[in-house]
Amino acid sequence: MSDAPVTFLTQDAYDRLAAELEHLSTTGREEIAKRIEAAREEGDLKENGGYHAAKDEQGKQEARIRTLQELLKNAKVGEAPESTGVVEPGTVVTAVIAGGEEVFLLGNREIAAGSELDVYSEASPLGTAILGRKEGEKTSYTAPNGREITVEILKVETYNGR
């Protein structure tokens, strides 16, 4: 069994990420290998900015591939959970946080790609504090700077993809 957290993804998000992984693992790797080879042929690697830039990009691309593989391997794919007034991954939460009202999605940022919605991870201090809470409940959490932040859950809605 894996200790990796299970991440809720909509089918659209899963398909988009799987396509990105496929592209990066095939065409993306071929393109970067060609760029590295072309830069290598230019000569002295110590002074070759194009070579170093291509190698840096390759490292970032491989890190993204590993992230996508892990995310997709541990994803629970389906429709956003139907809201029952309880905060859970994949729900849109309206809350008063430290005196200001915020609307956000609780879950993975990949779900809301292309959306204006802010996203908080359920593993974040805020996410941990509100997970399982009901509309009308109040709680607090300790921010990374040590401040105690109060939260009141006003509304929990089903995520509709926007």
C-alpha atoms as a PDB file:
ATOM      1  CA  MET A   1       0.000   0.000   0.000  1.00  0.00           C
ATOM      2  CA  SER A   2       1.124   3.516  -0.812  1.00  0.00           C
ATOM      3  CA  ASP A   3       1.247   6.383   1.677  1.00  0.00           C
ATOM      4  CA  ALA A   4       0.553   8.856  -1.125  1.00  0.00           C
ATOM      5  CA  PRO A   5      -2.650  10.830  -0.656  1.00  0.00           C
ATOM      6  CA  VAL A   6      -5.606  10.025  -2.878  1.00  0.00           C
ATOM      7  CA  THR A   7      -6.501  13.037  -5.015  1.00  0.00           C
ATOM      8  CA  PHE A   8      -9.970  13.663  -6.393  1.00  0.00           C
ATOM      9  CA  LEU A   9      -9.943  14.578 -10.111  1.00  0.00           C
ATOM     10  CA  THR A  10     -12.788  15.170 -12.501  1.00  0.00           C
ATOM     11  CA  GLN A  11     -12.700  13.040 -15.659  1.00  0.00           C
ATOM     12  CA  ASP A  12     -11.822  16.162 -17.675  1.00  0.00           C
ATOM     13  CA  ALA A  13      -8.880  16.970 -15.398  1.00  0.00           C
ATOM     14  CA  TYR A  14      -7.684  13.348 -15.476  1.00  0.00           C
ATOM     15  CA  ASP A  15      -7.876  13.219 -19.292  1.00  0.00           C
ATOM     16  CA  ARG A  16      -6.060  16.564 -19.644  1.00  0.00           C
ATOM     17  CA  LEU A  17      -3.269  15.476 -17.284  1.00  0.00           C
ATOM     18  CA  ALA A  18      -2.946  12.049 -18.925  1.00  0.00           C
ATOM     19  CA  ALA A  19      -2.590  13.757 -22.337  1.00  0.00           C
ATOM     20  CA  GLU A  20       0.050  16.118 -20.921  1.00  0.00           C
ATOM     21  CA  LEU A  21       1.947  13.155 -19.459  1.00  0.00           C
ATOM     22  CA  GLU A  22       1.788  11.294 -22.775  1.00  0.00           C
ATOM     23  CA  HIS A  23       3.094  14.348 -24.649  1.00  0.00           C
ATOM     24  CA  LEU A  24       5.911  15.050 -22.188  1.00  0.00           C
ATOM     25  CA  SER A  25       6.946  11.384 -22.041  1.00  0.00           C
ATOM     26  CA  THR A  26       7.168  11.024 -25.817  1.00  0.00           C
ATOM     27  CA  THR A  27       7.346  14.104 -28.031  1.00  0.00           C
ATOM     28  CA  GLY A  28       8.559  16.344 -25.205  1.00  0.00           C
ATOM     29  CA  ARG A  29      11.493  14.087 -24.383  1.00  0.00           C
ATOM     30  CA  GLU A  30      12.427  13.765 -28.061  1.00  0.00           C
ATOM     31  CA  GLU A  31      12.335  17.550 -28.566  1.00  0.00           C
ATOM     32  CA  ILE A  32      14.492  18.288 -25.539  1.00  0.00           C
ATOM     33  CA  ALA A  33      16.986  15.557 -26.490  1.00  0.00           C
ATOM     34  CA  LYS A  34      17.341  17.137 -29.953  1.00  0.00           C
ATOM     35  CA  ARG A  35      17.878  20.587 -28.424  1.00  0.00           C
ATOM     36  CA  ILE A  36      20.541  19.216 -26.067  1.00  0.00           C
ATOM     37  CA  GLU A  37      22.288  17.416 -28.919  1.00  0.00           C
ATOM     38  CA  ALA A  38      22.221  20.524 -31.150  1.00  0.00           C
ATOM     39  CA  ALA A  39      23.629  22.665 -28.330  1.00  0.00           C
ATOM     40  CA  ARG A  40      26.268  20.041 -27.530  1.00  0.00           C
ATOM     41  CA  GLU A  41      27.495  20.217 -31.145  1.00  0.00           C
ATOM     42  CA  GLU A  42      28.172  23.940 -30.728  1.00  0.00           C
ATOM     43  CA  GLY A  43      31.314  23.166 -28.757  1.00  0.00           C
ATOM     44  CA  ASP A  44      32.597  23.964 -25.266  1.00  0.00           C
ATOM     45  CA  LEU A  45      29.869  22.991 -22.795  1.00  0.00           C
ATOM     46  CA  LYS A  46      31.205  25.247 -20.018  1.00  0.00           C
ATOM     47  CA  GLU A  47      30.390  28.386 -21.990  1.00  0.00           C
ATOM     48  CA  ASN A  48      27.337  27.041 -23.813  1.00  0.00           C
ATOM     49  CA  GLY A  49      24.216  28.832 -22.491  1.00  0.00           C
ATOM     50  CA  GLY A  50      21.892  26.978 -24.867  1.00  0.00           C
ATOM     51  CA  TYR A  51      23.110  23.618 -23.584  1.00  0.00           C
ATOM     52  CA  HIS A  52      22.660  24.586 -19.926  1.00  0.00           C
ATOM     53  CA  ALA A  53      19.204  26.064 -20.591  1.00  0.00           C
ATOM     54  CA  ALA A  54      18.129  22.872 -22.386  1.00  0.00           C
ATOM     55  CA  LYS A  55      19.449  20.692 -19.532  1.00  0.00           C
ATOM     56  CA  ASP A  56      17.576  22.841 -16.982  1.00  0.00           C
ATOM     57  CA  GLU A  57      14.393  22.518 -19.016  1.00  0.00           C
ATOM     58  CA  GLN A  58      14.924  18.763 -19.229  1.00  0.00           C
ATOM     59  CA  GLY A  59      15.171  18.573 -15.431  1.00  0.00           C
ATOM     60  CA  LYS A  60      11.956  20.544 -14.994  1.00  0.00           C
ATOM     61  CA  GLN A  61      10.196  18.394 -17.577  1.00  0.00           C
ATOM     62  CA  GLU A  62      11.269  15.159 -15.880  1.00  0.00           C
ATOM     63  CA  ALA A  63      10.078  16.513 -12.532  1.00  0.00           C
ATOM     64  CA  ARG A  64       6.677  17.329 -14.075  1.00  0.00           C
ATOM     65  CA  ILE A  65       6.509  13.809 -15.555  1.00  0.00           C
ATOM     66  CA  ARG A  66       7.148  12.276 -12.114  1.00  0.00           C
ATOM     67  CA  THR A  67       4.549  14.570 -10.515  1.00  0.00           C
ATOM     68  CA  LEU A  68       1.932  13.661 -13.129  1.00  0.00           C
ATOM     69  CA  GLN A  69       2.666   9.933 -12.832  1.00  0.00           C
ATOM     70  CA  GLU A  70       2.210  10.037  -9.061  1.00  0.00           C
ATOM     71  CA  LEU A  71      -0.901  12.217  -9.263  1.00  0.00           C
ATOM     72  CA  LEU A  72      -2.609  10.030 -11.866  1.00  0.00           C
ATOM     73  CA  LYS A  73      -1.626   6.808 -10.098  1.00  0.00           C
ATOM     74  CA  ASN A  74      -3.283   7.979  -6.871  1.00  0.00           C
ATOM     75  CA  ALA A  75      -6.259   9.785  -8.402  1.00  0.00           C
ATOM     76  CA  LYS A  76      -9.878   9.036  -7.638  1.00  0.00           C
ATOM     77  CA  VAL A  77     -11.655   9.968 -10.849  1.00  0.00           C
ATOM     78  CA  GLY A  78     -15.288  10.909 -11.035  1.00  0.00           C
ATOM     79  CA  GLU A  79     -17.778  13.670 -10.703  1.00  0.00           C
ATOM     80  CA  ALA A  80     -17.381  16.245  -7.991  1.00  0.00           C
ATOM     81  CA  PRO A  81     -19.050  15.023  -4.814  1.00  0.00           C
ATOM     82  CA  GLU A  82     -22.644  16.175  -4.429  1.00  0.00           C
ATOM     83  CA  SER A  83     -22.645  18.774  -1.672  1.00  0.00           C
ATOM     84  CA  THR A  84     -24.293  17.754   1.570  1.00  0.00           C
ATOM     85  CA  GLY A  85     -23.182  20.884   3.418  1.00  0.00           C
ATOM     86  CA  VAL A  86     -20.007  19.149   4.604  1.00  0.00           C
ATOM     87  CA  VAL A  87     -16.556  20.267   3.437  1.00  0.00           C
ATOM     88  CA  GLU A  88     -14.815  17.534   1.469  1.00  0.00           C
ATOM     89  CA  PRO A  89     -12.280  17.389  -1.389  1.00  0.00           C
ATOM     90  CA  GLY A  90     -13.880  18.614  -4.589  1.00  0.00           C
ATOM     91  CA  THR A  91     -16.362  21.010  -2.978  1.00  0.00           C
ATOM     92  CA  VAL A  92     -16.550  24.782  -3.355  1.00  0.00           C
ATOM     93  CA  VAL A  93     -16.453  26.490   0.025  1.00  0.00           C
ATOM     94  CA  THR A  94     -17.580  29.984   0.955  1.00  0.00           C
ATOM     95  CA  ALA A  95     -16.002  30.948   4.261  1.00  0.00           C
ATOM     96  CA  VAL A  96     -15.108  33.939   6.367  1.00  0.00           C
ATOM     97  CA  ILE A  97     -11.359  33.649   6.923  1.00  0.00           C
ATOM     98  CA  ALA A  98      -9.733  36.131   9.304  1.00  0.00           C
ATOM     99  CA  GLY A  99     -12.690  38.489   8.789  1.00  0.00           C
ATOM    100  CA  GLY A 100     -12.802  38.366   4.967  1.00  0.00           C
ATOM    101  CA  GLU A 101     -15.163  36.283   2.840  1.00  0.00           C
ATOM    102  CA  GLU A 102     -13.513  33.877   0.368  1.00  0.00           C
ATOM    103  CA  VAL A 103     -14.830  31.359  -2.141  1.00  0.00           C
ATOM    104  CA  PHE A 104     -12.484  28.518  -3.083  1.00  0.00           C
ATOM    105  CA  LEU A 105     -12.251  24.911  -4.173  1.00  0.00           C
ATOM    106  CA  LEU A 106     -10.871  22.401  -1.706  1.00  0.00           C
ATOM    107  CA  GLY A 107      -8.721  19.897  -3.589  1.00  0.00           C
ATOM    108  CA  ASN A 108      -5.972  19.764  -6.179  1.00  0.00           C
ATOM    109  CA  ARG A 109      -5.229  22.852  -8.294  1.00  0.00           C
ATOM    110  CA  GLU A 110      -5.261  20.661 -11.395  1.00  0.00           C
ATOM    111  CA  ILE A 111      -9.036  20.258 -11.056  1.00  0.00           C
ATOM    112  CA  ALA A 112      -9.673  23.973 -11.499  1.00  0.00           C
ATOM    113  CA  ALA A 113      -7.141  24.684 -14.275  1.00  0.00           C
ATOM    114  CA  GLY A 114      -8.504  27.483 -16.424  1.00  0.00           C
ATOM    115  CA  SER A 115     -10.930  28.562 -13.692  1.00  0.00           C
ATOM    116  CA  GLU A 116     -10.849  31.814 -11.711  1.00  0.00           C
ATOM    117  CA  LEU A 117     -11.437  29.827  -8.531  1.00  0.00           C
ATOM    118  CA  ASP A 118      -8.737  29.806  -5.854  1.00  0.00           C
ATOM    119  CA  VAL A 119      -7.774  26.292  -4.757  1.00  0.00           C
ATOM    120  CA  TYR A 120      -6.575  25.105  -1.366  1.00  0.00           C
ATOM    121  CA  SER A 121      -5.203  21.635  -0.772  1.00  0.00           C
ATOM    122  CA  GLU A 122      -6.935  19.508   1.802  1.00  0.00           C
ATOM    123  CA  ALA A 123      -3.438  18.962   3.258  1.00  0.00           C
ATOM    124  CA  SER A 124      -2.878  22.713   3.782  1.00  0.00           C
ATOM    125  CA  PRO A 125      -3.377  24.199   7.267  1.00  0.00           C
ATOM    126  CA  LEU A 126      -6.704  25.694   6.133  1.00  0.00           C
ATOM    127  CA  GLY A 127      -7.773  22.488   4.380  1.00  0.00           C
ATOM    128  CA  THR A 128      -6.953  20.357   7.404  1.00  0.00           C
ATOM    129  CA  ALA A 129      -8.895  22.701   9.698  1.00  0.00           C
ATOM    130  CA  ILE A 130     -12.105  22.720   7.632  1.00  0.00           C
ATOM    131  CA  LEU A 131     -12.206  19.184   6.218  1.00  0.00           C
ATOM    132  CA  GLY A 132     -15.360  17.486   7.518  1.00  0.00           C
ATOM    133  CA  ARG A 133     -16.819  20.722   8.921  1.00  0.00           C
ATOM    134  CA  LYS A 134     -20.435  21.665   8.223  1.00  0.00           C
ATOM    135  CA  GLU A 135     -22.042  24.894   7.095  1.00  0.00           C
ATOM    136  CA  GLY A 136     -22.314  27.274  10.055  1.00  0.00           C
ATOM    137  CA  GLU A 137     -19.382  25.744  11.976  1.00  0.00           C
ATOM    138  CA  LYS A 138     -16.450  27.799  13.176  1.00  0.00           C
ATOM    139  CA  THR A 139     -12.882  26.654  13.655  1.00  0.00           C
ATOM    140  CA  SER A 140      -9.369  28.036  13.586  1.00  0.00           C
ATOM    141  CA  TYR A 141      -5.922  26.999  12.438  1.00  0.00           C
ATOM    142  CA  THR A 142      -2.362  28.123  12.927  1.00  0.00           C
ATOM    143  CA  ALA A 143      -0.862  29.791   9.871  1.00  0.00           C
ATOM    144  CA  PRO A 144       2.767  29.138   8.912  1.00  0.00           C
ATOM    145  CA  ASN A 145       3.708  32.503  10.475  1.00  0.00           C
ATOM    146  CA  GLY A 146       2.282  31.327  13.822  1.00  0.00           C
ATOM    147  CA  ARG A 147      -0.888  33.446  13.748  1.00  0.00           C
ATOM    148  CA  GLU A 148      -4.151  31.860  14.798  1.00  0.00           C
ATOM    149  CA  ILE A 149      -6.709  32.331  11.999  1.00  0.00           C
ATOM    150  CA  THR A 150     -10.445  31.962  12.529  1.00  0.00           C
ATOM    151  CA  VAL A 151     -12.668  30.381   9.891  1.00  0.00           C
ATOM    152  CA  GLU A 152     -16.458  30.203   9.625  1.00  0.00           C
ATOM    153  CA  ILE A 153     -17.974  27.940   6.960  1.00  0.00           C
ATOM    154  CA  LEU A 154     -20.852  29.807   5.291  1.00  0.00           C
ATOM    155  CA  LYS A 155     -21.696  27.553   2.351  1.00  0.00           C
ATOM    156  CA  VAL A 156     -20.499  24.284   0.769  1.00  0.00           C
ATOM    157  CA  GLU A 157     -21.441  23.659  -2.855  1.00  0.00           C
ATOM    158  CA  THR A 158     -20.893  21.031  -5.529  1.00  0.00           C
ATOM    159  CA  TYR A 159     -18.046  21.980  -7.895  1.00  0.00           C
ATOM    160  CA  ASN A 160     -19.489  22.511 -11.362  1.00  0.00           C
ATOM    161  CA  GLY A 161     -16.253  22.959 -13.309  1.00  0.00           C
ATOM    162  CA  ARG A 162     -16.195  26.764 -13.251  1.00  0.00           C
END
